[in-house]
Amino acid sequence: MFEVLQNEPYHWRMMITLALTTGLHRGKLLGLEWKHIDLKTGVIDIRQSITAYKDGEPIIKEPKTRHSLRKVALPSSVTDELNDYYLHCRKERMKLKTVWKRDDHFFLFFNEEGKPFYPETPYLHFRNLLLKHKLPYITFHSLRHTSATLLLNQGVHAKVISERLGHANIGTTMNIWTFIKISRPRSSKQV
């Protein structure tokens, strides 16, 4: 996946990388603004989500639960890439200054008017990316599950994964990822 992403437009590469490394929902990725990211410490402050548009404008909402309001640490390699992406976004914003319609917001992932992408756009792009490169089909939301599974396989405690994903309790995390771990094919070493 990361090899394929190297040839994708910068915003898609960053969105999919963040989905894989943070486990954030699509709506939370779309709601990210640069003011929510500390590029020095590599921490994202999850404050809002975009899951719909009304009359051509995004509906920006606070996450549903207090557990969803959280901070997510990034690997240093992703923080470095985000620093470069920030400079790219600033240049894009300057190029679009005559049509930029979001002076009150500076989203990480925006269209030619500075508005965040529609909620279906990441799903559609990701599906087309997989088809184009003949990769197995998974949904965009499955990147969240992949992120958690990678952490679980690295030995990260389920409570840490639960907090990172914004689950209200560890039971939710355990129910989903215990099933994934159990249903995963066993290697010859595990038998």
N, C-alpha and C. Protein backbone atom coordinates (compact mmCIF):
# COMPACT_ATOMS: atom_id res chain seq x y z
N MET A 1 0.82 -1.19 0.00
CA MET A 1 0.00 0.00 0.00
C MET A 1 0.87 1.26 0.00
N PHE A 2 1.89 1.29 0.86
CA PHE A 2 2.73 2.48 0.93
C PHE A 2 3.50 2.70 -0.38
N GLU A 3 3.88 1.61 -1.05
CA GLU A 3 4.54 1.75 -2.36
C GLU A 3 3.59 2.40 -3.36
N VAL A 4 2.36 1.94 -3.41
CA VAL A 4 1.35 2.48 -4.32
C VAL A 4 1.10 3.95 -4.01
N LEU A 5 1.06 4.30 -2.75
CA LEU A 5 0.75 5.68 -2.34
C LEU A 5 1.82 6.68 -2.79
N GLN A 6 3.04 6.22 -3.02
CA GLN A 6 4.10 7.14 -3.43
C GLN A 6 3.79 7.85 -4.73
N ASN A 7 2.93 7.26 -5.55
CA ASN A 7 2.58 7.86 -6.84
C ASN A 7 1.21 8.53 -6.82
N GLU A 8 0.63 8.67 -5.66
CA GLU A 8 -0.68 9.30 -5.53
C GLU A 8 -0.52 10.79 -5.21
N PRO A 9 -1.56 11.59 -5.51
CA PRO A 9 -1.51 13.00 -5.10
C PRO A 9 -1.24 13.10 -3.59
N TYR A 10 -0.53 14.16 -3.24
CA TYR A 10 -0.06 14.33 -1.85
C TYR A 10 -1.18 14.19 -0.83
N HIS A 11 -2.33 14.83 -1.06
CA HIS A 11 -3.40 14.79 -0.06
C HIS A 11 -3.93 13.38 0.15
N TRP A 12 -4.00 12.57 -0.91
CA TRP A 12 -4.48 11.19 -0.72
C TRP A 12 -3.44 10.36 0.01
N ARG A 13 -2.19 10.56 -0.35
CA ARG A 13 -1.11 9.83 0.34
C ARG A 13 -1.15 10.12 1.83
N MET A 14 -1.33 11.41 2.19
CA MET A 14 -1.34 11.77 3.61
C MET A 14 -2.60 11.26 4.30
N MET A 15 -3.74 11.36 3.65
CA MET A 15 -4.97 10.90 4.30
C MET A 15 -4.93 9.40 4.58
N ILE A 16 -4.49 8.63 3.62
CA ILE A 16 -4.44 7.17 3.82
C ILE A 16 -3.36 6.81 4.83
N THR A 17 -2.24 7.50 4.78
CA THR A 17 -1.18 7.26 5.78
C THR A 17 -1.70 7.56 7.18
N LEU A 18 -2.41 8.68 7.35
CA LEU A 18 -2.96 9.01 8.68
C LEU A 18 -4.02 7.99 9.10
N ALA A 19 -4.84 7.55 8.17
CA ALA A 19 -5.84 6.54 8.52
C ALA A 19 -5.17 5.27 9.02
N LEU A 20 -4.10 4.86 8.36
CA LEU A 20 -3.38 3.64 8.75
C LEU A 20 -2.61 3.80 10.06
N THR A 21 -2.06 4.97 10.30
CA THR A 21 -1.21 5.15 11.49
C THR A 21 -1.96 5.65 12.71
N THR A 22 -3.14 6.25 12.52
CA THR A 22 -3.88 6.77 13.68
C THR A 22 -5.15 5.99 13.99
N GLY A 23 -5.71 5.33 12.98
CA GLY A 23 -6.98 4.63 13.17
C GLY A 23 -8.17 5.57 13.23
N LEU A 24 -8.01 6.80 12.74
CA LEU A 24 -9.10 7.77 12.80
C LEU A 24 -10.20 7.41 11.80
N HIS A 25 -11.44 7.68 12.20
CA HIS A 25 -12.58 7.58 11.29
C HIS A 25 -12.42 8.58 10.15
N ARG A 26 -13.05 8.29 9.04
CA ARG A 26 -13.03 9.17 7.87
C ARG A 26 -13.51 10.58 8.23
N GLY A 27 -14.59 10.69 9.00
CA GLY A 27 -15.13 12.00 9.36
C GLY A 27 -14.18 12.83 10.20
N LYS A 28 -13.42 12.16 11.06
CA LYS A 28 -12.45 12.88 11.89
C LYS A 28 -11.25 13.33 11.05
N LEU A 29 -10.85 12.50 10.09
CA LEU A 29 -9.78 12.91 9.17
C LEU A 29 -10.21 14.13 8.38
N LEU A 30 -11.45 14.12 7.88
CA LEU A 30 -11.95 15.26 7.10
C LEU A 30 -12.08 16.52 7.94
N GLY A 31 -12.35 16.37 9.22
CA GLY A 31 -12.51 17.52 10.10
C GLY A 31 -11.21 18.09 10.64
N LEU A 32 -10.09 17.43 10.37
CA LEU A 32 -8.80 17.91 10.88
C LEU A 32 -8.42 19.25 10.26
N GLU A 33 -8.04 20.16 11.12
CA GLU A 33 -7.49 21.45 10.69
C GLU A 33 -6.07 21.52 11.21
N TRP A 34 -5.28 22.36 10.56
CA TRP A 34 -3.88 22.47 10.96
C TRP A 34 -3.74 22.93 12.40
N LYS A 35 -4.69 23.70 12.91
CA LYS A 35 -4.63 24.15 14.31
C LYS A 35 -4.76 22.99 15.29
N HIS A 36 -5.20 21.82 14.81
CA HIS A 36 -5.36 20.63 15.66
C HIS A 36 -4.09 19.78 15.73
N ILE A 37 -3.06 20.19 15.01
CA ILE A 37 -1.85 19.36 14.94
C ILE A 37 -0.66 20.14 15.46
N ASP A 38 0.03 19.54 16.42
CA ASP A 38 1.27 20.10 16.92
C ASP A 38 2.40 19.44 16.13
N LEU A 39 2.93 20.16 15.17
CA LEU A 39 3.95 19.60 14.28
C LEU A 39 5.29 19.42 14.97
N LYS A 40 5.49 20.04 16.13
CA LYS A 40 6.74 19.86 16.88
C LYS A 40 6.72 18.56 17.67
N THR A 41 5.59 18.28 18.32
CA THR A 41 5.50 17.09 19.15
C THR A 41 4.89 15.89 18.42
N GLY A 42 4.26 16.15 17.27
CA GLY A 42 3.64 15.06 16.52
C GLY A 42 2.38 14.53 17.18
N VAL A 43 1.56 15.44 17.70
CA VAL A 43 0.32 15.04 18.37
C VAL A 43 -0.87 15.70 17.67
N ILE A 44 -1.88 14.88 17.38
CA ILE A 44 -3.12 15.38 16.79
C ILE A 44 -4.14 15.51 17.90
N ASP A 45 -4.83 16.63 17.95
CA ASP A 45 -5.89 16.88 18.93
C ASP A 45 -7.22 16.70 18.20
N ILE A 46 -7.92 15.62 18.50
CA ILE A 46 -9.18 15.31 17.83
C ILE A 46 -10.28 16.16 18.47
N ARG A 47 -10.82 17.11 17.70
CA ARG A 47 -11.79 18.07 18.20
C ARG A 47 -13.08 18.09 17.42
N GLN A 48 -13.06 17.64 16.16
CA GLN A 48 -14.27 17.76 15.35
C GLN A 48 -14.30 16.71 14.25
N SER A 49 -15.46 16.60 13.65
CA SER A 49 -15.70 15.61 12.62
C SER A 49 -16.62 16.20 11.56
N ILE A 50 -16.48 15.72 10.34
CA ILE A 50 -17.38 16.11 9.25
C ILE A 50 -17.94 14.83 8.64
N THR A 51 -19.22 14.62 8.80
CA THR A 51 -19.84 13.41 8.25
C THR A 51 -20.91 13.72 7.22
N ALA A 52 -21.20 15.01 7.02
CA ALA A 52 -22.24 15.38 6.05
C ALA A 52 -22.04 16.82 5.59
N TYR A 53 -22.72 17.14 4.52
CA TYR A 53 -22.79 18.50 3.98
C TYR A 53 -24.25 18.89 3.91
N LYS A 54 -24.55 20.17 4.08
CA LYS A 54 -25.92 20.68 3.92
C LYS A 54 -25.83 22.01 3.18
N ASP A 55 -26.59 22.13 2.12
CA ASP A 55 -26.59 23.34 1.30
C ASP A 55 -25.19 23.74 0.85
N GLY A 56 -24.39 22.74 0.49
CA GLY A 56 -23.04 23.00 -0.02
C GLY A 56 -22.00 23.33 1.03
N GLU A 57 -22.36 23.23 2.31
CA GLU A 57 -21.42 23.54 3.39
C GLU A 57 -21.23 22.32 4.29
N PRO A 58 -20.01 22.11 4.77
CA PRO A 58 -19.78 20.98 5.67
C PRO A 58 -20.45 21.20 7.02
N ILE A 59 -20.96 20.13 7.58
CA ILE A 59 -21.51 20.18 8.93
C ILE A 59 -20.38 19.72 9.86
N ILE A 60 -19.84 20.67 10.59
CA ILE A 60 -18.72 20.39 11.49
C ILE A 60 -19.29 20.17 12.89
N LYS A 61 -19.02 18.98 13.42
CA LYS A 61 -19.55 18.63 14.75
C LYS A 61 -18.42 18.17 15.66
N GLU A 62 -18.67 18.37 16.95
CA GLU A 62 -17.79 17.80 17.94
C GLU A 62 -18.03 16.29 17.96
N PRO A 63 -17.01 15.48 18.24
CA PRO A 63 -17.23 14.03 18.33
C PRO A 63 -18.35 13.68 19.31
N LYS A 64 -18.94 12.49 19.11
CA LYS A 64 -20.13 12.07 19.85
C LYS A 64 -19.90 11.90 21.35
N THR A 65 -18.75 11.38 21.74
CA THR A 65 -18.52 11.09 23.15
C THR A 65 -17.28 11.82 23.66
N ARG A 66 -17.16 11.91 24.97
CA ARG A 66 -15.98 12.56 25.56
C ARG A 66 -14.72 11.74 25.27
N HIS A 67 -14.87 10.43 25.07
CA HIS A 67 -13.71 9.58 24.75
C HIS A 67 -13.20 9.86 23.34
N SER A 68 -14.11 10.35 22.50
CA SER A 68 -13.71 10.68 21.13
C SER A 68 -12.85 11.93 21.06
N LEU A 69 -13.00 12.82 22.06
CA LEU A 69 -12.12 13.99 22.17
C LEU A 69 -10.83 13.49 22.79
N ARG A 70 -9.78 13.46 21.99
CA ARG A 70 -8.55 12.84 22.48
C ARG A 70 -7.35 13.36 21.70
N LYS A 71 -6.18 12.99 22.19
CA LYS A 71 -4.94 13.32 21.50
C LYS A 71 -4.33 12.01 21.01
N VAL A 72 -3.82 12.06 19.78
CA VAL A 72 -3.23 10.87 19.17
C VAL A 72 -1.81 11.20 18.74
N ALA A 73 -0.86 10.43 19.26
CA ALA A 73 0.55 10.64 18.91
C ALA A 73 0.86 9.97 17.57
N LEU A 74 1.73 10.63 16.82
CA LEU A 74 2.13 10.12 15.51
C LEU A 74 3.56 9.60 15.55
N PRO A 75 3.86 8.61 14.71
CA PRO A 75 5.27 8.21 14.57
C PRO A 75 6.06 9.38 14.01
N SER A 76 7.34 9.46 14.35
CA SER A 76 8.16 10.60 13.89
C SER A 76 8.23 10.67 12.37
N SER A 77 8.23 9.54 11.68
CA SER A 77 8.28 9.56 10.22
C SER A 77 7.04 10.24 9.64
N VAL A 78 5.89 10.02 10.26
CA VAL A 78 4.64 10.64 9.80
C VAL A 78 4.64 12.13 10.15
N THR A 79 5.17 12.47 11.31
CA THR A 79 5.27 13.89 11.69
C THR A 79 6.16 14.64 10.70
N ASP A 80 7.27 14.03 10.32
CA ASP A 80 8.16 14.66 9.32
C ASP A 80 7.42 14.87 8.00
N GLU A 81 6.68 13.85 7.58
CA GLU A 81 5.92 13.96 6.33
C GLU A 81 4.83 15.02 6.45
N LEU A 82 4.19 15.11 7.62
CA LEU A 82 3.16 16.14 7.83
C LEU A 82 3.75 17.55 7.77
N ASN A 83 4.96 17.72 8.27
CA ASN A 83 5.62 19.03 8.18
C ASN A 83 5.80 19.44 6.73
N ASP A 84 6.23 18.52 5.90
CA ASP A 84 6.37 18.80 4.46
C ASP A 84 5.00 19.05 3.82
N TYR A 85 4.02 18.26 4.22
CA TYR A 85 2.67 18.41 3.66
C TYR A 85 2.07 19.77 4.05
N TYR A 86 2.37 20.24 5.26
CA TYR A 86 1.89 21.55 5.70
C TYR A 86 2.40 22.65 4.78
N LEU A 87 3.68 22.59 4.44
CA LEU A 87 4.24 23.59 3.52
C LEU A 87 3.56 23.49 2.15
N HIS A 88 3.32 22.28 1.70
CA HIS A 88 2.61 22.07 0.43
C HIS A 88 1.21 22.70 0.50
N CYS A 89 0.49 22.47 1.59
CA CYS A 89 -0.87 23.01 1.74
C CYS A 89 -0.86 24.54 1.77
N ARG A 90 0.12 25.12 2.43
CA ARG A 90 0.21 26.59 2.45
C ARG A 90 0.43 27.15 1.05
N LYS A 91 1.26 26.48 0.27
CA LYS A 91 1.49 26.91 -1.12
C LYS A 91 0.21 26.79 -1.94
N GLU A 92 -0.50 25.68 -1.75
CA GLU A 92 -1.76 25.47 -2.47
C GLU A 92 -2.78 26.55 -2.09
N ARG A 93 -2.82 26.86 -0.81
CA ARG A 93 -3.75 27.89 -0.33
C ARG A 93 -3.44 29.24 -0.97
N MET A 94 -2.17 29.56 -1.08
CA MET A 94 -1.77 30.83 -1.71
C MET A 94 -2.16 30.86 -3.19
N LYS A 95 -1.98 29.73 -3.88
CA LYS A 95 -2.35 29.65 -5.30
C LYS A 95 -3.85 29.85 -5.50
N LEU A 96 -4.63 29.39 -4.51
CA LEU A 96 -6.08 29.43 -4.62
C LEU A 96 -6.71 30.64 -3.94
N LYS A 97 -5.90 31.63 -3.57
CA LYS A 97 -6.42 32.73 -2.74
C LYS A 97 -7.60 33.47 -3.35
N THR A 98 -7.71 33.50 -4.66
CA THR A 98 -8.85 34.21 -5.27
C THR A 98 -10.15 33.42 -5.18
N VAL A 99 -10.07 32.10 -5.01
CA VAL A 99 -11.29 31.28 -4.92
C VAL A 99 -11.45 30.62 -3.55
N TRP A 100 -10.46 30.80 -2.68
CA TRP A 100 -10.48 30.16 -1.36
C TRP A 100 -11.65 30.70 -0.56
N LYS A 101 -12.52 29.81 -0.09
CA LYS A 101 -13.72 30.25 0.62
C LYS A 101 -13.74 29.83 2.09
N ARG A 102 -12.60 29.47 2.63
CA ARG A 102 -12.58 28.97 4.00
C ARG A 102 -11.56 29.70 4.84
N ASP A 103 -11.59 31.03 4.86
CA ASP A 103 -10.62 31.77 5.65
C ASP A 103 -10.70 31.46 7.14
N ASP A 104 -11.87 31.02 7.59
CA ASP A 104 -12.05 30.71 9.01
C ASP A 104 -11.53 29.31 9.36
N HIS A 105 -11.25 28.48 8.35
CA HIS A 105 -10.76 27.12 8.57
C HIS A 105 -9.62 26.83 7.60
N PHE A 106 -8.67 26.03 8.05
CA PHE A 106 -7.59 25.56 7.18
C PHE A 106 -7.49 24.05 7.38
N PHE A 107 -8.28 23.33 6.60
CA PHE A 107 -8.37 21.87 6.70
C PHE A 107 -7.13 21.21 6.11
N LEU A 108 -6.80 20.03 6.59
CA LEU A 108 -5.70 19.26 6.02
C LEU A 108 -6.03 18.78 4.62
N PHE A 109 -7.29 18.41 4.42
CA PHE A 109 -7.70 17.81 3.16
C PHE A 109 -8.83 18.65 2.57
N PHE A 110 -8.49 19.40 1.52
CA PHE A 110 -9.44 20.39 0.99
C PHE A 110 -9.50 20.35 -0.53
N ASN A 111 -10.62 20.87 -1.05
CA ASN A 111 -10.79 20.96 -2.49
C ASN A 111 -10.28 22.30 -3.00
N GLU A 112 -10.56 22.61 -4.26
CA GLU A 112 -10.05 23.83 -4.89
C GLU A 112 -10.65 25.12 -4.35
N GLU A 113 -11.64 25.03 -3.45
CA GLU A 113 -12.21 26.22 -2.80
C GLU A 113 -11.81 26.31 -1.33
N GLY A 114 -10.99 25.35 -0.88
CA GLY A 114 -10.60 25.34 0.52
C GLY A 114 -11.57 24.62 1.43
N LYS A 115 -12.63 24.07 0.85
CA LYS A 115 -13.60 23.31 1.65
C LYS A 115 -13.08 21.89 1.86
N PRO A 116 -13.44 21.29 2.99
CA PRO A 116 -13.04 19.90 3.19
C PRO A 116 -13.73 19.01 2.17
N PHE A 117 -13.13 17.87 1.90
CA PHE A 117 -13.74 16.93 0.96
C PHE A 117 -15.10 16.47 1.48
N TYR A 118 -15.98 16.12 0.55
CA TYR A 118 -17.25 15.51 0.92
C TYR A 118 -16.95 14.17 1.60
N PRO A 119 -17.79 13.74 2.53
CA PRO A 119 -17.52 12.51 3.26
C PRO A 119 -17.35 11.26 2.39
N GLU A 120 -17.99 11.19 1.24
CA GLU A 120 -17.86 10.01 0.38
C GLU A 120 -16.59 10.02 -0.46
N THR A 121 -15.97 11.17 -0.62
CA THR A 121 -14.81 11.30 -1.50
C THR A 121 -13.65 10.37 -1.12
N PRO A 122 -13.24 10.28 0.15
CA PRO A 122 -12.14 9.36 0.48
C PRO A 122 -12.48 7.90 0.17
N TYR A 123 -13.72 7.52 0.46
CA TYR A 123 -14.14 6.15 0.18
C TYR A 123 -14.03 5.86 -1.32
N LEU A 124 -14.55 6.76 -2.15
CA LEU A 124 -14.54 6.55 -3.60
C LEU A 124 -13.11 6.54 -4.16
N HIS A 125 -12.29 7.47 -3.69
CA HIS A 125 -10.91 7.49 -4.17
C HIS A 125 -10.18 6.21 -3.76
N PHE A 126 -10.35 5.78 -2.53
CA PHE A 126 -9.66 4.60 -2.04
C PHE A 126 -10.10 3.36 -2.82
N ARG A 127 -11.38 3.24 -3.07
CA ARG A 127 -11.89 2.11 -3.85
C ARG A 127 -11.25 2.10 -5.25
N ASN A 128 -11.20 3.26 -5.90
CA ASN A 128 -10.60 3.35 -7.23
C ASN A 128 -9.10 3.06 -7.21
N LEU A 129 -8.43 3.49 -6.15
CA LEU A 129 -7.00 3.22 -5.99
C LEU A 129 -6.75 1.71 -5.93
N LEU A 130 -7.56 1.02 -5.14
CA LEU A 130 -7.40 -0.44 -5.02
C LEU A 130 -7.67 -1.13 -6.35
N LEU A 131 -8.71 -0.71 -7.04
CA LEU A 131 -9.04 -1.30 -8.35
C LEU A 131 -7.92 -1.05 -9.36
N LYS A 132 -7.44 0.18 -9.40
CA LYS A 132 -6.41 0.56 -10.36
C LYS A 132 -5.14 -0.28 -10.20
N HIS A 133 -4.79 -0.59 -8.94
CA HIS A 133 -3.56 -1.32 -8.67
C HIS A 133 -3.79 -2.81 -8.39
N LYS A 134 -5.04 -3.25 -8.63
CA LYS A 134 -5.41 -4.67 -8.45
C LYS A 134 -5.06 -5.18 -7.05
N LEU A 135 -5.34 -4.33 -6.06
CA LEU A 135 -5.14 -4.72 -4.67
C LEU A 135 -6.44 -5.29 -4.12
N PRO A 136 -6.37 -6.15 -3.12
CA PRO A 136 -7.60 -6.71 -2.55
C PRO A 136 -8.51 -5.59 -2.03
N TYR A 137 -9.80 -5.75 -2.23
CA TYR A 137 -10.74 -4.72 -1.81
C TYR A 137 -10.93 -4.74 -0.29
N ILE A 138 -10.81 -3.58 0.30
CA ILE A 138 -11.22 -3.33 1.68
C ILE A 138 -11.87 -1.95 1.67
N THR A 139 -12.69 -1.67 2.66
CA THR A 139 -13.30 -0.36 2.73
C THR A 139 -12.32 0.64 3.35
N PHE A 140 -12.59 1.92 3.18
CA PHE A 140 -11.76 2.95 3.80
C PHE A 140 -11.77 2.75 5.32
N HIS A 141 -12.93 2.40 5.87
CA HIS A 141 -13.03 2.19 7.32
C HIS A 141 -12.13 1.04 7.78
N SER A 142 -11.87 0.09 6.89
CA SER A 142 -10.99 -1.03 7.26
C SER A 142 -9.57 -0.58 7.57
N LEU A 143 -9.19 0.61 7.11
CA LEU A 143 -7.87 1.14 7.46
C LEU A 143 -7.78 1.36 8.97
N ARG A 144 -8.90 1.71 9.58
CA ARG A 144 -8.97 1.87 11.04
C ARG A 144 -8.70 0.53 11.72
N HIS A 145 -9.34 -0.51 11.19
CA HIS A 145 -9.14 -1.86 11.75
C HIS A 145 -7.71 -2.33 11.52
N THR A 146 -7.17 -2.01 10.36
CA THR A 146 -5.77 -2.37 10.07
C THR A 146 -4.83 -1.70 11.06
N SER A 147 -5.07 -0.44 11.34
CA SER A 147 -4.24 0.30 12.29
C SER A 147 -4.25 -0.40 13.65
N ALA A 148 -5.43 -0.73 14.13
CA ALA A 148 -5.54 -1.38 15.44
C ALA A 148 -4.90 -2.76 15.43
N THR A 149 -5.09 -3.50 14.35
CA THR A 149 -4.51 -4.84 14.25
C THR A 149 -2.99 -4.78 14.24
N LEU A 150 -2.43 -3.82 13.52
CA LEU A 150 -0.97 -3.65 13.51
C LEU A 150 -0.44 -3.36 14.92
N LEU A 151 -1.14 -2.48 15.64
CA LEU A 151 -0.73 -2.17 17.02
C LEU A 151 -0.83 -3.40 17.92
N LEU A 152 -1.92 -4.14 17.78
CA LEU A 152 -2.12 -5.35 18.57
C LEU A 152 -1.00 -6.35 18.28
N ASN A 153 -0.66 -6.52 17.01
CA ASN A 153 0.40 -7.46 16.64
C ASN A 153 1.78 -7.01 17.09
N GLN A 154 1.94 -5.71 17.35
CA GLN A 154 3.21 -5.18 17.87
C GLN A 154 3.28 -5.30 19.39
N GLY A 155 2.22 -5.82 19.99
CA GLY A 155 2.21 -6.01 21.44
C GLY A 155 1.72 -4.81 22.23
N VAL A 156 1.11 -3.83 21.56
CA VAL A 156 0.57 -2.67 22.26
C VAL A 156 -0.65 -3.14 23.06
N HIS A 157 -0.73 -2.71 24.31
CA HIS A 157 -1.82 -3.12 25.19
C HIS A 157 -3.17 -2.66 24.65
N ALA A 158 -4.19 -3.50 24.80
CA ALA A 158 -5.53 -3.20 24.29
C ALA A 158 -6.10 -1.91 24.87
N LYS A 159 -5.76 -1.57 26.11
CA LYS A 159 -6.26 -0.32 26.70
C LYS A 159 -5.71 0.89 25.94
N VAL A 160 -4.45 0.83 25.57
CA VAL A 160 -3.82 1.93 24.81
C VAL A 160 -4.48 2.04 23.44
N ILE A 161 -4.72 0.90 22.80
CA ILE A 161 -5.38 0.90 21.48
C ILE A 161 -6.79 1.46 21.62
N SER A 162 -7.50 1.06 22.66
CA SER A 162 -8.86 1.52 22.90
C SER A 162 -8.90 3.05 23.05
N GLU A 163 -7.98 3.59 23.83
CA GLU A 163 -7.92 5.05 24.02
C GLU A 163 -7.56 5.75 22.72
N ARG A 164 -6.65 5.18 21.97
CA ARG A 164 -6.22 5.77 20.70
C ARG A 164 -7.38 5.83 19.71
N LEU A 165 -8.22 4.79 19.71
CA LEU A 165 -9.36 4.73 18.80
C LEU A 165 -10.56 5.53 19.31
N GLY A 166 -10.51 5.94 20.56
CA GLY A 166 -11.61 6.73 21.11
C GLY A 166 -12.79 5.89 21.57
N HIS A 167 -12.55 4.61 21.85
CA HIS A 167 -13.63 3.76 22.35
C HIS A 167 -13.97 4.14 23.78
N ALA A 168 -15.24 4.07 24.11
CA ALA A 168 -15.69 4.42 25.46
C ALA A 168 -15.19 3.42 26.50
N ASN A 169 -15.04 2.17 26.09
CA ASN A 169 -14.50 1.18 27.02
C ASN A 169 -13.68 0.14 26.27
N ILE A 170 -12.82 -0.51 27.00
CA ILE A 170 -11.90 -1.48 26.40
C ILE A 170 -12.65 -2.70 25.84
N GLY A 171 -13.86 -2.95 26.34
CA GLY A 171 -14.65 -4.09 25.87
C GLY A 171 -14.94 -4.01 24.38
N THR A 172 -15.22 -2.81 23.90
CA THR A 172 -15.47 -2.63 22.46
C THR A 172 -14.25 -3.06 21.67
N THR A 173 -13.10 -2.59 22.09
CA THR A 173 -11.85 -2.93 21.41
C THR A 173 -11.61 -4.42 21.46
N MET A 174 -11.76 -5.00 22.64
CA MET A 174 -11.49 -6.42 22.81
C MET A 174 -12.44 -7.28 21.98
N ASN A 175 -13.72 -6.91 21.94
CA ASN A 175 -14.69 -7.69 21.17
C ASN A 175 -14.34 -7.70 19.68
N ILE A 176 -13.96 -6.57 19.15
CA ILE A 176 -13.65 -6.49 17.72
C ILE A 176 -12.32 -7.16 17.41
N TRP A 177 -11.25 -6.81 18.13
CA TRP A 177 -9.93 -7.28 17.74
C TRP A 177 -9.60 -8.66 18.28
N THR A 178 -10.28 -9.14 19.29
CA THR A 178 -10.10 -10.53 19.69
C THR A 178 -10.66 -11.40 18.59
N PHE A 179 -11.80 -11.00 18.02
CA PHE A 179 -12.39 -11.76 16.92
C PHE A 179 -11.44 -11.77 15.72
N ILE A 180 -10.87 -10.63 15.40
CA ILE A 180 -9.95 -10.55 14.25
C ILE A 180 -8.73 -11.43 14.49
N LYS A 181 -8.19 -11.37 15.71
CA LYS A 181 -7.00 -12.16 16.03
C LYS A 181 -7.32 -13.65 15.97
N ILE A 182 -8.49 -14.06 16.48
CA ILE A 182 -8.88 -15.46 16.49
C ILE A 182 -9.17 -15.95 15.07
N SER A 183 -9.82 -15.12 14.26
CA SER A 183 -10.22 -15.57 12.93
C SER A 183 -9.09 -15.48 11.90
N ARG A 184 -7.96 -14.89 12.28
CA ARG A 184 -6.82 -14.78 11.39
C ARG A 184 -6.22 -16.16 11.16
N PRO A 185 -5.83 -16.49 9.93
CA PRO A 185 -5.21 -17.80 9.68
C PRO A 185 -3.95 -17.95 10.51
N ARG A 186 -3.76 -19.14 11.02
CA ARG A 186 -2.58 -19.42 11.84
C ARG A 186 -1.38 -19.75 10.96
N SER A 187 -0.22 -19.31 11.38
CA SER A 187 1.00 -19.69 10.66
C SER A 187 1.43 -21.06 11.17
N SER A 188 2.35 -21.67 10.49
CA SER A 188 2.82 -23.01 10.92
C SER A 188 3.48 -22.95 12.29
N LYS A 189 4.04 -21.79 12.65
CA LYS A 189 4.67 -21.64 13.97
C LYS A 189 3.64 -21.63 15.09
N GLN A 190 2.39 -21.21 14.79
CA GLN A 190 1.37 -21.13 15.83
C GLN A 190 0.70 -22.47 16.08
N VAL A 191 0.80 -23.39 15.14
CA VAL A 191 0.09 -24.67 15.25
C VAL A 191 0.79 -25.58 16.20
